[in-house]
Amino acid sequence: MSKFGRAIKGAKAGACAAAAVALSFFVLDLVRLQPLATPGFLSGAVFGPAGLEWDLTSWSGFVAGLVTAYKITTFTLLHFLTFALVGVFASLAFDWKNRTAFKPLLAVAVLCTTAFAVTVAVSASFVALESLGPLTVVIVNLFAAFVLAGYLRLANMPEPEDEPSA
């Protein structure tokens, strides 16, 4: 397979890992009986202590709403982009066809945690890290590494050979 094909598979794996991180934080919020608490922490960090207030009765409120939507979209795109880059790197750096393909799992877990940290740092939402706790962030990113590595392992498995017809 070409390097471009491997990079595409890696980007897909990274997108799946990013979705796994977002979904796992959503599930954790539900388990703690605080639905959408993590997005609330993130929006509080991104939008200031007042959080998200939409005043669509005036032109300035409408523009502020557009700016808020832009920030949310930018944060989401950055999240998926950083994980896609981790997937591309992991796909190109490691041999996923090998039976011991899960050996680089620790390196991928560190890369996933770094991708999450970069997303948080660029969006200046350190409050979210503080509220979530470092152990939760590491566990969720380890889960993301399992998703990423599992996707790459399955995507690079050899195709079963067709049985000859009798």
C-alpha atoms as a PDB file:
ATOM      1  CA  MET A   1       0.000   0.000   0.000  1.00  0.00           C
ATOM      2  CA  SER A   2       1.229   3.481  -0.800  1.00  0.00           C
ATOM      3  CA  LYS A   3       2.139   6.028   1.842  1.00  0.00           C
ATOM      4  CA  PHE A   4      -0.817   8.140   0.782  1.00  0.00           C
ATOM      5  CA  GLY A   5      -3.194   5.208   1.348  1.00  0.00           C
ATOM      6  CA  ARG A   6      -1.655   4.567   4.754  1.00  0.00           C
ATOM      7  CA  ALA A   7      -2.005   8.260   5.616  1.00  0.00           C
ATOM      8  CA  ILE A   8      -5.687   8.203   4.657  1.00  0.00           C
ATOM      9  CA  LYS A   9      -6.269   5.143   6.853  1.00  0.00           C
ATOM     10  CA  GLY A  10      -4.416   6.888   9.661  1.00  0.00           C
ATOM     11  CA  ALA A  11      -6.540  10.024   9.328  1.00  0.00           C
ATOM     12  CA  LYS A  12      -9.696   7.900   9.473  1.00  0.00           C
ATOM     13  CA  ALA A  13      -8.372   6.126  12.562  1.00  0.00           C
ATOM     14  CA  GLY A  14      -7.571   9.479  14.174  1.00  0.00           C
ATOM     15  CA  ALA A  15     -11.084  10.759  13.460  1.00  0.00           C
ATOM     16  CA  CYS A  16     -12.511   7.639  15.106  1.00  0.00           C
ATOM     17  CA  ALA A  17     -10.256   8.217  18.123  1.00  0.00           C
ATOM     18  CA  ALA A  18     -11.381  11.860  18.356  1.00  0.00           C
ATOM     19  CA  ALA A  19     -15.004  10.747  18.244  1.00  0.00           C
ATOM     20  CA  ALA A  20     -14.238   8.147  20.938  1.00  0.00           C
ATOM     21  CA  VAL A  21     -12.806  10.870  23.199  1.00  0.00           C
ATOM     22  CA  ALA A  22     -15.839  13.107  22.706  1.00  0.00           C
ATOM     23  CA  LEU A  23     -18.279  10.238  23.210  1.00  0.00           C
ATOM     24  CA  SER A  24     -16.474   8.938  26.292  1.00  0.00           C
ATOM     25  CA  PHE A  25     -16.622  12.360  27.961  1.00  0.00           C
ATOM     26  CA  PHE A  26     -20.333  12.499  27.122  1.00  0.00           C
ATOM     27  CA  VAL A  27     -20.857   9.062  28.717  1.00  0.00           C
ATOM     28  CA  LEU A  28     -18.771  10.036  31.766  1.00  0.00           C
ATOM     29  CA  ASP A  29     -20.962  13.097  32.220  1.00  0.00           C
ATOM     30  CA  LEU A  30     -24.068  10.923  32.057  1.00  0.00           C
ATOM     31  CA  VAL A  31     -22.645   8.470  34.608  1.00  0.00           C
ATOM     32  CA  ARG A  32     -21.876  11.354  36.985  1.00  0.00           C
ATOM     33  CA  LEU A  33     -25.478  12.569  36.442  1.00  0.00           C
ATOM     34  CA  GLN A  34     -24.179  15.850  35.020  1.00  0.00           C
ATOM     35  CA  PRO A  35     -25.206  15.745  31.356  1.00  0.00           C
ATOM     36  CA  LEU A  36     -22.995  17.901  29.147  1.00  0.00           C
ATOM     37  CA  ALA A  37     -20.826  19.033  32.066  1.00  0.00           C
ATOM     38  CA  THR A  38     -17.601  18.702  30.063  1.00  0.00           C
ATOM     39  CA  PRO A  39     -18.836  20.874  27.177  1.00  0.00           C
ATOM     40  CA  GLY A  40     -19.983  23.330  29.833  1.00  0.00           C
ATOM     41  CA  PHE A  41     -16.489  23.461  31.318  1.00  0.00           C
ATOM     42  CA  LEU A  42     -15.009  23.874  27.846  1.00  0.00           C
ATOM     43  CA  SER A  43     -17.441  26.620  26.901  1.00  0.00           C
ATOM     44  CA  GLY A  44     -16.842  28.360  30.216  1.00  0.00           C
ATOM     45  CA  ALA A  45     -13.143  28.325  29.492  1.00  0.00           C
ATOM     46  CA  VAL A  46     -13.508  29.427  25.893  1.00  0.00           C
ATOM     47  CA  PHE A  47     -16.268  31.982  26.385  1.00  0.00           C
ATOM     48  CA  GLY A  48     -15.279  33.378  29.766  1.00  0.00           C
ATOM     49  CA  PRO A  49     -16.837  33.044  33.206  1.00  0.00           C
ATOM     50  CA  ALA A  50     -20.233  34.208  31.981  1.00  0.00           C
ATOM     51  CA  GLY A  51     -20.376  31.190  29.695  1.00  0.00           C
ATOM     52  CA  LEU A  52     -22.554  31.176  26.650  1.00  0.00           C
ATOM     53  CA  GLU A  53     -25.147  33.937  26.420  1.00  0.00           C
ATOM     54  CA  TRP A  54     -27.008  34.559  23.202  1.00  0.00           C
ATOM     55  CA  ASP A  55     -28.831  37.829  22.718  1.00  0.00           C
ATOM     56  CA  LEU A  56     -30.357  37.685  19.273  1.00  0.00           C
ATOM     57  CA  THR A  57     -32.492  40.790  19.774  1.00  0.00           C
ATOM     58  CA  SER A  58     -29.724  43.137  18.686  1.00  0.00           C
ATOM     59  CA  TRP A  59     -27.117  43.279  15.952  1.00  0.00           C
ATOM     60  CA  SER A  60     -24.247  43.038  18.465  1.00  0.00           C
ATOM     61  CA  GLY A  61     -25.883  39.990  20.075  1.00  0.00           C
ATOM     62  CA  PHE A  62     -26.249  38.352  16.670  1.00  0.00           C
ATOM     63  CA  VAL A  63     -22.570  38.989  15.871  1.00  0.00           C
ATOM     64  CA  ALA A  64     -21.582  37.651  19.301  1.00  0.00           C
ATOM     65  CA  GLY A  65     -23.595  34.510  18.531  1.00  0.00           C
ATOM     66  CA  LEU A  66     -21.753  34.079  15.246  1.00  0.00           C
ATOM     67  CA  VAL A  67     -18.424  34.493  17.030  1.00  0.00           C
ATOM     68  CA  THR A  68     -19.490  31.859  19.563  1.00  0.00           C
ATOM     69  CA  ALA A  69     -20.480  29.446  16.806  1.00  0.00           C
ATOM     70  CA  TYR A  70     -17.115  30.112  15.137  1.00  0.00           C
ATOM     71  CA  LYS A  71     -15.251  29.291  18.378  1.00  0.00           C
ATOM     72  CA  ILE A  72     -17.176  26.060  18.870  1.00  0.00           C
ATOM     73  CA  THR A  73     -16.580  25.019  15.265  1.00  0.00           C
ATOM     74  CA  THR A  74     -12.888  25.897  15.482  1.00  0.00           C
ATOM     75  CA  PHE A  75     -12.467  23.909  18.713  1.00  0.00           C
ATOM     76  CA  THR A  76     -14.194  20.868  17.193  1.00  0.00           C
ATOM     77  CA  LEU A  77     -12.168  21.023  13.974  1.00  0.00           C
ATOM     78  CA  LEU A  78      -8.931  21.423  15.921  1.00  0.00           C
ATOM     79  CA  HIS A  79      -9.837  18.408  18.071  1.00  0.00           C
ATOM     80  CA  PHE A  80     -10.439  16.198  15.036  1.00  0.00           C
ATOM     81  CA  LEU A  81      -7.437  17.577  13.152  1.00  0.00           C
ATOM     82  CA  THR A  82      -4.958  16.867  15.947  1.00  0.00           C
ATOM     83  CA  PHE A  83      -6.211  13.312  16.338  1.00  0.00           C
ATOM     84  CA  ALA A  84      -6.157  12.803  12.562  1.00  0.00           C
ATOM     85  CA  LEU A  85      -2.509  13.890  12.542  1.00  0.00           C
ATOM     86  CA  VAL A  86      -1.777  11.395  15.328  1.00  0.00           C
ATOM     87  CA  GLY A  87      -3.471   8.705  13.243  1.00  0.00           C
ATOM     88  CA  VAL A  88      -1.433   9.592  10.148  1.00  0.00           C
ATOM     89  CA  PHE A  89       1.802   9.522  12.155  1.00  0.00           C
ATOM     90  CA  ALA A  90       0.898   6.213  13.825  1.00  0.00           C
ATOM     91  CA  SER A  91      -0.079   4.676  10.500  1.00  0.00           C
ATOM     92  CA  LEU A  92       3.190   5.664   8.845  1.00  0.00           C
ATOM     93  CA  ALA A  93       5.486   5.017  11.819  1.00  0.00           C
ATOM     94  CA  PHE A  94       4.389   1.519  12.822  1.00  0.00           C
ATOM     95  CA  ASP A  95       3.778  -1.734  10.974  1.00  0.00           C
ATOM     96  CA  TRP A  96       0.131  -2.610  11.658  1.00  0.00           C
ATOM     97  CA  LYS A  97       0.151  -5.794   9.572  1.00  0.00           C
ATOM     98  CA  ASN A  98       2.384  -7.511  12.100  1.00  0.00           C
ATOM     99  CA  ARG A  99       0.736  -9.784  14.665  1.00  0.00           C
ATOM    100  CA  THR A 100       2.349  -7.787  17.460  1.00  0.00           C
ATOM    101  CA  ALA A 101       0.845  -4.564  16.174  1.00  0.00           C
ATOM    102  CA  PHE A 102      -0.361  -3.526  19.623  1.00  0.00           C
ATOM    103  CA  LYS A 103       3.204  -3.103  20.886  1.00  0.00           C
ATOM    104  CA  PRO A 104       3.272   0.586  19.871  1.00  0.00           C
ATOM    105  CA  LEU A 105       0.085   1.151  21.892  1.00  0.00           C
ATOM    106  CA  LEU A 106       1.917   3.092  24.614  1.00  0.00           C
ATOM    107  CA  ALA A 107       3.426   5.441  22.032  1.00  0.00           C
ATOM    108  CA  VAL A 108       0.005   5.954  20.454  1.00  0.00           C
ATOM    109  CA  ALA A 109      -1.521   6.593  23.906  1.00  0.00           C
ATOM    110  CA  VAL A 110       1.094   9.269  24.591  1.00  0.00           C
ATOM    111  CA  LEU A 111       0.394  10.798  21.176  1.00  0.00           C
ATOM    112  CA  CYS A 112      -3.380  10.804  21.844  1.00  0.00           C
ATOM    113  CA  THR A 113      -2.853  12.488  25.216  1.00  0.00           C
ATOM    114  CA  THR A 114      -0.581  15.023  23.534  1.00  0.00           C
ATOM    115  CA  ALA A 115      -3.206  15.678  20.847  1.00  0.00           C
ATOM    116  CA  PHE A 116      -5.832  16.300  23.517  1.00  0.00           C
ATOM    117  CA  ALA A 117      -3.432  18.565  25.427  1.00  0.00           C
ATOM    118  CA  VAL A 118      -2.651  20.552  22.260  1.00  0.00           C
ATOM    119  CA  THR A 119      -6.362  20.999  21.589  1.00  0.00           C
ATOM    120  CA  VAL A 120      -6.919  22.230  25.140  1.00  0.00           C
ATOM    121  CA  ALA A 121      -3.851  24.495  25.045  1.00  0.00           C
ATOM    122  CA  VAL A 122      -4.733  26.121  21.730  1.00  0.00           C
ATOM    123  CA  SER A 123      -8.319  26.704  22.846  1.00  0.00           C
ATOM    124  CA  ALA A 124      -7.080  27.991  26.224  1.00  0.00           C
ATOM    125  CA  SER A 125      -9.456  25.733  28.117  1.00  0.00           C
ATOM    126  CA  PHE A 126      -7.174  24.677  30.949  1.00  0.00           C
ATOM    127  CA  VAL A 127     -10.169  24.930  33.254  1.00  0.00           C
ATOM    128  CA  ALA A 128     -11.530  21.831  31.531  1.00  0.00           C
ATOM    129  CA  LEU A 129      -8.400  19.849  32.386  1.00  0.00           C
ATOM    130  CA  GLU A 130      -8.589  21.000  35.971  1.00  0.00           C
ATOM    131  CA  SER A 131     -12.258  20.066  36.296  1.00  0.00           C
ATOM    132  CA  LEU A 132     -11.856  16.687  34.604  1.00  0.00           C
ATOM    133  CA  GLY A 133      -8.726  15.645  36.432  1.00  0.00           C
ATOM    134  CA  PRO A 134      -5.540  14.269  34.915  1.00  0.00           C
ATOM    135  CA  LEU A 135      -6.401  10.616  35.609  1.00  0.00           C
ATOM    136  CA  THR A 136      -9.669  10.867  33.671  1.00  0.00           C
ATOM    137  CA  VAL A 137      -7.915  12.534  30.745  1.00  0.00           C
ATOM    138  CA  VAL A 138      -5.230   9.820  30.641  1.00  0.00           C
ATOM    139  CA  ILE A 139      -7.785   6.984  30.851  1.00  0.00           C
ATOM    140  CA  VAL A 140      -9.959   8.452  28.108  1.00  0.00           C
ATOM    141  CA  ASN A 141      -6.935   8.987  25.870  1.00  0.00           C
ATOM    142  CA  LEU A 142      -5.772   5.426  26.530  1.00  0.00           C
ATOM    143  CA  PHE A 143      -9.208   4.349  25.309  1.00  0.00           C
ATOM    144  CA  ALA A 144      -8.695   6.562  22.238  1.00  0.00           C
ATOM    145  CA  ALA A 145      -5.340   4.858  21.647  1.00  0.00           C
ATOM    146  CA  PHE A 146      -7.052   1.451  21.742  1.00  0.00           C
ATOM    147  CA  VAL A 147      -9.614   2.704  19.209  1.00  0.00           C
ATOM    148  CA  LEU A 148      -6.916   4.156  16.952  1.00  0.00           C
ATOM    149  CA  ALA A 149      -4.657   1.106  17.151  1.00  0.00           C
ATOM    150  CA  GLY A 150      -7.588  -1.265  16.726  1.00  0.00           C
ATOM    151  CA  TYR A 151      -8.798   0.590  13.647  1.00  0.00           C
ATOM    152  CA  LEU A 152      -5.334   0.539  12.085  1.00  0.00           C
ATOM    153  CA  ARG A 153      -4.883  -3.129  12.934  1.00  0.00           C
ATOM    154  CA  LEU A 154      -8.236  -4.086  11.393  1.00  0.00           C
ATOM    155  CA  ALA A 155      -7.726  -1.849   8.350  1.00  0.00           C
ATOM    156  CA  ASN A 156      -4.353  -3.455   7.635  1.00  0.00           C
ATOM    157  CA  MET A 157      -5.340  -7.081   8.136  1.00  0.00           C
ATOM    158  CA  PRO A 158      -4.725  -9.216   5.066  1.00  0.00           C
ATOM    159  CA  GLU A 159      -7.792  -9.924   2.985  1.00  0.00           C
ATOM    160  CA  PRO A 160      -9.091 -13.504   3.261  1.00  0.00           C
ATOM    161  CA  GLU A 161      -8.324 -15.446   0.162  1.00  0.00           C
ATOM    162  CA  ASP A 162     -11.259 -16.617  -1.869  1.00  0.00           C
ATOM    163  CA  GLU A 163     -11.825 -20.337  -1.754  1.00  0.00           C
ATOM    164  CA  PRO A 164     -11.662 -21.992  -5.148  1.00  0.00           C
ATOM    165  CA  SER A 165     -15.050 -23.070  -6.396  1.00  0.00           C
ATOM    166  CA  ALA A 166     -15.567 -26.789  -6.826  1.00  0.00           C
END
